[in-house]
Amino acid sequence: MRRLLLLVPVLAIAAACHDSAKTPVVSGPTVADSADQILYQANIVLTTRGIERGTLTADTVFVLEEQTRFDLRRPHVVFTTETGAPQGTMDAKHGVYSTRTQILEGWGDVVAKLVGGKTLKSPHVVFNQITHQLSSDTTYSITDPQGTSSGVGFVSNQTFTSFKCLNKCNVQGPVAIPNPSK
């Protein structure tokens, strides 16, 4: 009888330690815990001084800080001119948009494509909606029909007609050599 009484607690402990097939509970705070609202398949119009300058869509948007900061999952942005003509797109895995500063940041395999055929790839890109500038402080590469360029950090206007590489700049492409006989 005494052995049976000792065996019962051992069996209870063994049963409690057995792995279950249930999904583990996520521990620690997440952005969803702090969100004022959570939007799915959201579409946001980007404006500057009341003029539409593009649209921002995302799979999931966590609305934070009294509806002034949007934490985005899979953001996609379509940039347009003041007259509505397309200028390009930007995609990322994660993003944050602040209505106070009108700055959109993208992280994780950011790809910006311009109407003229240029494609920018970088782990992190910042778009300032007020100044219409793109920038980054990390690695980037740009491909276009004329060649490729890469470096660490850049500042550019949103059409890439004014571009400044900040460090380790590298440009590759064809070079036209003048013919002195003509």
C-alpha atoms as a PDB file:
ATOM      1  CA  MET A   1       0.000   0.000   0.000  1.00  0.00           C
ATOM      2  CA  ARG A   2       2.830   2.338   0.902  1.00  0.00           C
ATOM      3  CA  ARG A   3       4.486   1.761  -2.467  1.00  0.00           C
ATOM      4  CA  LEU A   4       1.224   2.565  -4.215  1.00  0.00           C
ATOM      5  CA  LEU A   5       0.960   5.912  -2.386  1.00  0.00           C
ATOM      6  CA  LEU A   6       4.507   6.823  -3.469  1.00  0.00           C
ATOM      7  CA  LEU A   7       3.832   5.779  -7.061  1.00  0.00           C
ATOM      8  CA  VAL A   8       0.768   8.048  -7.479  1.00  0.00           C
ATOM      9  CA  PRO A   9       2.687  11.365  -7.073  1.00  0.00           C
ATOM     10  CA  VAL A  10       5.446  10.143  -9.407  1.00  0.00           C
ATOM     11  CA  LEU A  11       2.878   9.290 -12.083  1.00  0.00           C
ATOM     12  CA  ALA A  12       1.179  12.683 -11.631  1.00  0.00           C
ATOM     13  CA  ILE A  13       4.494  14.524 -12.088  1.00  0.00           C
ATOM     14  CA  ALA A  14       5.372  12.437 -15.140  1.00  0.00           C
ATOM     15  CA  ALA A  15       1.983  13.196 -16.701  1.00  0.00           C
ATOM     16  CA  ALA A  16       2.409  16.936 -16.054  1.00  0.00           C
ATOM     17  CA  CYS A  17       5.818  16.982 -17.760  1.00  0.00           C
ATOM     18  CA  HIS A  18       4.537  15.268 -20.887  1.00  0.00           C
ATOM     19  CA  ASP A  19       4.841  17.436 -24.068  1.00  0.00           C
ATOM     20  CA  SER A  20       1.505  18.528 -25.420  1.00  0.00           C
ATOM     21  CA  ALA A  21       0.691  19.103 -29.074  1.00  0.00           C
ATOM     22  CA  LYS A  22      -0.903  22.471 -28.339  1.00  0.00           C
ATOM     23  CA  THR A  23       0.511  25.719 -29.767  1.00  0.00           C
ATOM     24  CA  PRO A  24       2.635  27.519 -27.168  1.00  0.00           C
ATOM     25  CA  VAL A  25       1.373  30.786 -25.752  1.00  0.00           C
ATOM     26  CA  VAL A  26       3.294  33.828 -27.008  1.00  0.00           C
ATOM     27  CA  SER A  27       5.026  35.539 -24.145  1.00  0.00           C
ATOM     28  CA  GLY A  28       5.973  39.201 -23.929  1.00  0.00           C
ATOM     29  CA  PRO A  29       4.278  42.307 -25.267  1.00  0.00           C
ATOM     30  CA  THR A  30       3.581  42.788 -28.985  1.00  0.00           C
ATOM     31  CA  VAL A  31       2.635  45.866 -31.001  1.00  0.00           C
ATOM     32  CA  ALA A  32      -0.942  44.562 -31.078  1.00  0.00           C
ATOM     33  CA  ASP A  33      -1.112  44.995 -27.280  1.00  0.00           C
ATOM     34  CA  SER A  34      -0.545  48.757 -27.620  1.00  0.00           C
ATOM     35  CA  ALA A  35      -2.595  49.401 -30.756  1.00  0.00           C
ATOM     36  CA  ASP A  36      -5.592  51.743 -30.624  1.00  0.00           C
ATOM     37  CA  GLN A  37      -6.968  49.905 -33.659  1.00  0.00           C
ATOM     38  CA  ILE A  38      -5.908  47.069 -35.947  1.00  0.00           C
ATOM     39  CA  LEU A  39      -6.810  47.356 -39.622  1.00  0.00           C
ATOM     40  CA  TYR A  40      -6.625  44.561 -42.183  1.00  0.00           C
ATOM     41  CA  GLN A  41      -6.153  45.181 -45.912  1.00  0.00           C
ATOM     42  CA  ALA A  42      -5.930  48.938 -45.275  1.00  0.00           C
ATOM     43  CA  ASN A  43      -5.732  51.665 -47.923  1.00  0.00           C
ATOM     44  CA  ILE A  44      -4.409  55.117 -46.878  1.00  0.00           C
ATOM     45  CA  VAL A  45      -4.266  58.199 -49.128  1.00  0.00           C
ATOM     46  CA  LEU A  46      -1.021  60.181 -48.760  1.00  0.00           C
ATOM     47  CA  THR A  47      -1.479  63.932 -49.129  1.00  0.00           C
ATOM     48  CA  THR A  48       0.787  66.977 -48.970  1.00  0.00           C
ATOM     49  CA  ARG A  49      -1.004  70.269 -48.248  1.00  0.00           C
ATOM     50  CA  GLY A  50      -4.291  68.675 -49.269  1.00  0.00           C
ATOM     51  CA  ILE A  51      -2.992  67.333 -52.592  1.00  0.00           C
ATOM     52  CA  GLU A  52      -2.957  63.568 -53.111  1.00  0.00           C
ATOM     53  CA  ARG A  53       0.620  62.338 -53.646  1.00  0.00           C
ATOM     54  CA  GLY A  54       0.075  58.597 -53.484  1.00  0.00           C
ATOM     55  CA  THR A  55      -1.595  55.663 -51.817  1.00  0.00           C
ATOM     56  CA  LEU A  56      -0.351  53.329 -49.113  1.00  0.00           C
ATOM     57  CA  THR A  57      -1.775  49.845 -48.734  1.00  0.00           C
ATOM     58  CA  ALA A  58      -0.792  47.229 -46.166  1.00  0.00           C
ATOM     59  CA  ASP A  59      -1.844  43.730 -45.125  1.00  0.00           C
ATOM     60  CA  THR A  60      -2.101  44.822 -41.474  1.00  0.00           C
ATOM     61  CA  VAL A  61      -1.918  48.271 -39.865  1.00  0.00           C
ATOM     62  CA  PHE A  62      -1.504  48.788 -36.131  1.00  0.00           C
ATOM     63  CA  VAL A  63      -2.763  52.298 -35.297  1.00  0.00           C
ATOM     64  CA  LEU A  64      -0.741  53.793 -32.427  1.00  0.00           C
ATOM     65  CA  GLU A  65      -0.147  57.042 -30.510  1.00  0.00           C
ATOM     66  CA  GLU A  66      -3.611  58.541 -30.898  1.00  0.00           C
ATOM     67  CA  GLN A  67      -3.843  57.722 -34.605  1.00  0.00           C
ATOM     68  CA  THR A  68      -0.568  59.462 -35.533  1.00  0.00           C
ATOM     69  CA  ARG A  69       1.680  56.424 -36.081  1.00  0.00           C
ATOM     70  CA  PHE A  70       0.904  53.433 -38.230  1.00  0.00           C
ATOM     71  CA  ASP A  71       2.927  50.230 -37.837  1.00  0.00           C
ATOM     72  CA  LEU A  72       2.595  48.441 -41.190  1.00  0.00           C
ATOM     73  CA  ARG A  73       2.967  44.841 -42.313  1.00  0.00           C
ATOM     74  CA  ARG A  74       3.713  44.337 -46.015  1.00  0.00           C
ATOM     75  CA  PRO A  75       3.310  48.003 -47.015  1.00  0.00           C
ATOM     76  CA  HIS A  76       2.992  48.929 -50.704  1.00  0.00           C
ATOM     77  CA  VAL A  77       3.153  52.579 -51.752  1.00  0.00           C
ATOM     78  CA  VAL A  78       2.264  54.106 -55.116  1.00  0.00           C
ATOM     79  CA  PHE A  79       3.843  57.558 -55.541  1.00  0.00           C
ATOM     80  CA  THR A  80       2.220  60.106 -57.861  1.00  0.00           C
ATOM     81  CA  THR A  81       2.853  63.677 -59.011  1.00  0.00           C
ATOM     82  CA  GLU A  82       0.566  66.526 -57.948  1.00  0.00           C
ATOM     83  CA  THR A  83      -1.446  65.919 -61.127  1.00  0.00           C
ATOM     84  CA  GLY A  84      -1.831  62.201 -60.354  1.00  0.00           C
ATOM     85  CA  ALA A  85       0.706  60.825 -62.844  1.00  0.00           C
ATOM     86  CA  PRO A  86       2.490  57.720 -61.498  1.00  0.00           C
ATOM     87  CA  GLN A  87       6.112  58.172 -60.320  1.00  0.00           C
ATOM     88  CA  GLY A  88       6.908  54.780 -58.834  1.00  0.00           C
ATOM     89  CA  THR A  89       6.248  52.224 -56.119  1.00  0.00           C
ATOM     90  CA  MET A  90       7.850  51.027 -52.896  1.00  0.00           C
ATOM     91  CA  ASP A  91       7.395  47.657 -51.175  1.00  0.00           C
ATOM     92  CA  ALA A  92       8.783  46.341 -47.872  1.00  0.00           C
ATOM     93  CA  LYS A  93       8.186  43.631 -45.284  1.00  0.00           C
ATOM     94  CA  HIS A  94       7.608  46.124 -42.457  1.00  0.00           C
ATOM     95  CA  GLY A  95       7.021  49.863 -42.284  1.00  0.00           C
ATOM     96  CA  VAL A  96       6.140  52.775 -40.036  1.00  0.00           C
ATOM     97  CA  TYR A  97       4.307  55.921 -41.155  1.00  0.00           C
ATOM     98  CA  SER A  98       4.011  59.008 -38.942  1.00  0.00           C
ATOM     99  CA  THR A  99       1.314  61.568 -39.723  1.00  0.00           C
ATOM    100  CA  ARG A 100       3.085  64.087 -37.460  1.00  0.00           C
ATOM    101  CA  THR A 101       6.383  64.050 -39.385  1.00  0.00           C
ATOM    102  CA  GLN A 102       4.954  62.674 -42.653  1.00  0.00           C
ATOM    103  CA  ILE A 103       7.832  60.190 -42.814  1.00  0.00           C
ATOM    104  CA  LEU A 104       7.413  56.655 -44.107  1.00  0.00           C
ATOM    105  CA  GLU A 105      10.116  54.108 -43.274  1.00  0.00           C
ATOM    106  CA  GLY A 106      10.408  50.683 -44.827  1.00  0.00           C
ATOM    107  CA  TRP A 107      12.459  47.727 -43.516  1.00  0.00           C
ATOM    108  CA  GLY A 108      13.225  44.298 -44.876  1.00  0.00           C
ATOM    109  CA  ASP A 109      13.908  43.802 -48.565  1.00  0.00           C
ATOM    110  CA  VAL A 110      12.738  47.284 -49.565  1.00  0.00           C
ATOM    111  CA  VAL A 111      12.251  47.630 -53.326  1.00  0.00           C
ATOM    112  CA  ALA A 112      11.452  50.985 -54.945  1.00  0.00           C
ATOM    113  CA  LYS A 113      10.644  50.986 -58.669  1.00  0.00           C
ATOM    114  CA  LEU A 114      10.498  54.184 -60.696  1.00  0.00           C
ATOM    115  CA  VAL A 115       8.512  54.765 -63.863  1.00  0.00           C
ATOM    116  CA  GLY A 116      11.770  55.417 -65.796  1.00  0.00           C
ATOM    117  CA  GLY A 117      13.024  51.873 -65.175  1.00  0.00           C
ATOM    118  CA  LYS A 118      15.280  52.341 -62.130  1.00  0.00           C
ATOM    119  CA  THR A 119      14.992  49.863 -59.259  1.00  0.00           C
ATOM    120  CA  LEU A 120      16.362  50.538 -55.770  1.00  0.00           C
ATOM    121  CA  LYS A 121      16.951  47.691 -53.299  1.00  0.00           C
ATOM    122  CA  SER A 122      17.944  48.247 -49.666  1.00  0.00           C
ATOM    123  CA  PRO A 123      17.276  46.816 -46.194  1.00  0.00           C
ATOM    124  CA  HIS A 124      15.983  50.230 -45.000  1.00  0.00           C
ATOM    125  CA  VAL A 125      14.583  53.261 -46.848  1.00  0.00           C
ATOM    126  CA  VAL A 126      13.119  56.507 -45.492  1.00  0.00           C
ATOM    127  CA  PHE A 127      10.651  58.597 -47.537  1.00  0.00           C
ATOM    128  CA  ASN A 128      10.025  62.169 -46.379  1.00  0.00           C
ATOM    129  CA  GLN A 129       6.635  63.145 -47.783  1.00  0.00           C
ATOM    130  CA  ILE A 130       7.165  66.880 -47.152  1.00  0.00           C
ATOM    131  CA  THR A 131      10.522  67.191 -48.963  1.00  0.00           C
ATOM    132  CA  HIS A 132       9.826  64.306 -51.386  1.00  0.00           C
ATOM    133  CA  GLN A 133      13.223  62.774 -50.569  1.00  0.00           C
ATOM    134  CA  LEU A 134      14.292  59.150 -50.252  1.00  0.00           C
ATOM    135  CA  SER A 135      17.270  58.295 -48.058  1.00  0.00           C
ATOM    136  CA  SER A 136      19.028  55.465 -46.293  1.00  0.00           C
ATOM    137  CA  ASP A 137      22.024  54.960 -44.016  1.00  0.00           C
ATOM    138  CA  THR A 138      22.586  51.339 -45.000  1.00  0.00           C
ATOM    139  CA  THR A 139      23.583  49.394 -48.109  1.00  0.00           C
ATOM    140  CA  TYR A 140      21.716  49.900 -51.365  1.00  0.00           C
ATOM    141  CA  SER A 141      21.870  48.972 -55.033  1.00  0.00           C
ATOM    142  CA  ILE A 142      20.244  50.683 -57.994  1.00  0.00           C
ATOM    143  CA  THR A 143      19.779  49.069 -61.381  1.00  0.00           C
ATOM    144  CA  ASP A 144      18.652  50.795 -64.541  1.00  0.00           C
ATOM    145  CA  PRO A 145      19.116  50.265 -68.301  1.00  0.00           C
ATOM    146  CA  GLN A 146      22.472  52.133 -68.169  1.00  0.00           C
ATOM    147  CA  GLY A 147      24.056  49.992 -65.422  1.00  0.00           C
ATOM    148  CA  THR A 148      24.174  49.544 -61.670  1.00  0.00           C
ATOM    149  CA  SER A 149      25.324  51.574 -58.699  1.00  0.00           C
ATOM    150  CA  SER A 150      25.724  50.644 -55.065  1.00  0.00           C
ATOM    151  CA  GLY A 151      27.039  52.023 -51.801  1.00  0.00           C
ATOM    152  CA  VAL A 152      26.280  52.655 -48.169  1.00  0.00           C
ATOM    153  CA  GLY A 153      23.840  55.498 -47.551  1.00  0.00           C
ATOM    154  CA  PHE A 154      22.214  57.896 -50.007  1.00  0.00           C
ATOM    155  CA  VAL A 155      19.966  60.941 -50.297  1.00  0.00           C
ATOM    156  CA  SER A 156      17.808  61.469 -53.386  1.00  0.00           C
ATOM    157  CA  ASN A 157      14.697  63.159 -54.651  1.00  0.00           C
ATOM    158  CA  GLN A 158      11.848  60.756 -55.327  1.00  0.00           C
ATOM    159  CA  THR A 159      12.547  60.673 -59.077  1.00  0.00           C
ATOM    160  CA  PHE A 160      16.292  59.934 -58.576  1.00  0.00           C
ATOM    161  CA  THR A 161      17.263  62.866 -60.795  1.00  0.00           C
ATOM    162  CA  SER A 162      19.229  64.354 -57.891  1.00  0.00           C
ATOM    163  CA  PHE A 163      21.139  61.533 -56.184  1.00  0.00           C
ATOM    164  CA  LYS A 164      24.019  61.602 -53.688  1.00  0.00           C
ATOM    165  CA  CYS A 165      25.851  58.477 -52.503  1.00  0.00           C
ATOM    166  CA  LEU A 166      27.262  58.888 -48.982  1.00  0.00           C
ATOM    167  CA  ASN A 167      29.912  56.125 -48.671  1.00  0.00           C
ATOM    168  CA  LYS A 168      31.605  53.264 -50.591  1.00  0.00           C
ATOM    169  CA  CYS A 169      30.095  54.422 -53.886  1.00  0.00           C
ATOM    170  CA  ASN A 170      30.406  52.077 -56.868  1.00  0.00           C
ATOM    171  CA  VAL A 171      29.031  52.624 -60.383  1.00  0.00           C
ATOM    172  CA  GLN A 172      29.184  50.072 -63.208  1.00  0.00           C
ATOM    173  CA  GLY A 173      27.937  50.445 -66.744  1.00  0.00           C
ATOM    174  CA  PRO A 174      28.869  51.120 -70.352  1.00  0.00           C
ATOM    175  CA  VAL A 175      31.016  54.163 -71.123  1.00  0.00           C
ATOM    176  CA  ALA A 176      30.815  55.925 -74.475  1.00  0.00           C
ATOM    177  CA  ILE A 177      34.309  56.579 -75.870  1.00  0.00           C
ATOM    178  CA  PRO A 178      34.397  59.435 -78.397  1.00  0.00           C
ATOM    179  CA  ASN A 179      35.729  58.664 -81.875  1.00  0.00           C
ATOM    180  CA  PRO A 180      38.451  61.252 -82.692  1.00  0.00           C
ATOM    181  CA  SER A 181      38.170  60.608 -86.446  1.00  0.00           C
ATOM    182  CA  LYS A 182      34.683  62.080 -86.667  1.00  0.00           C
END
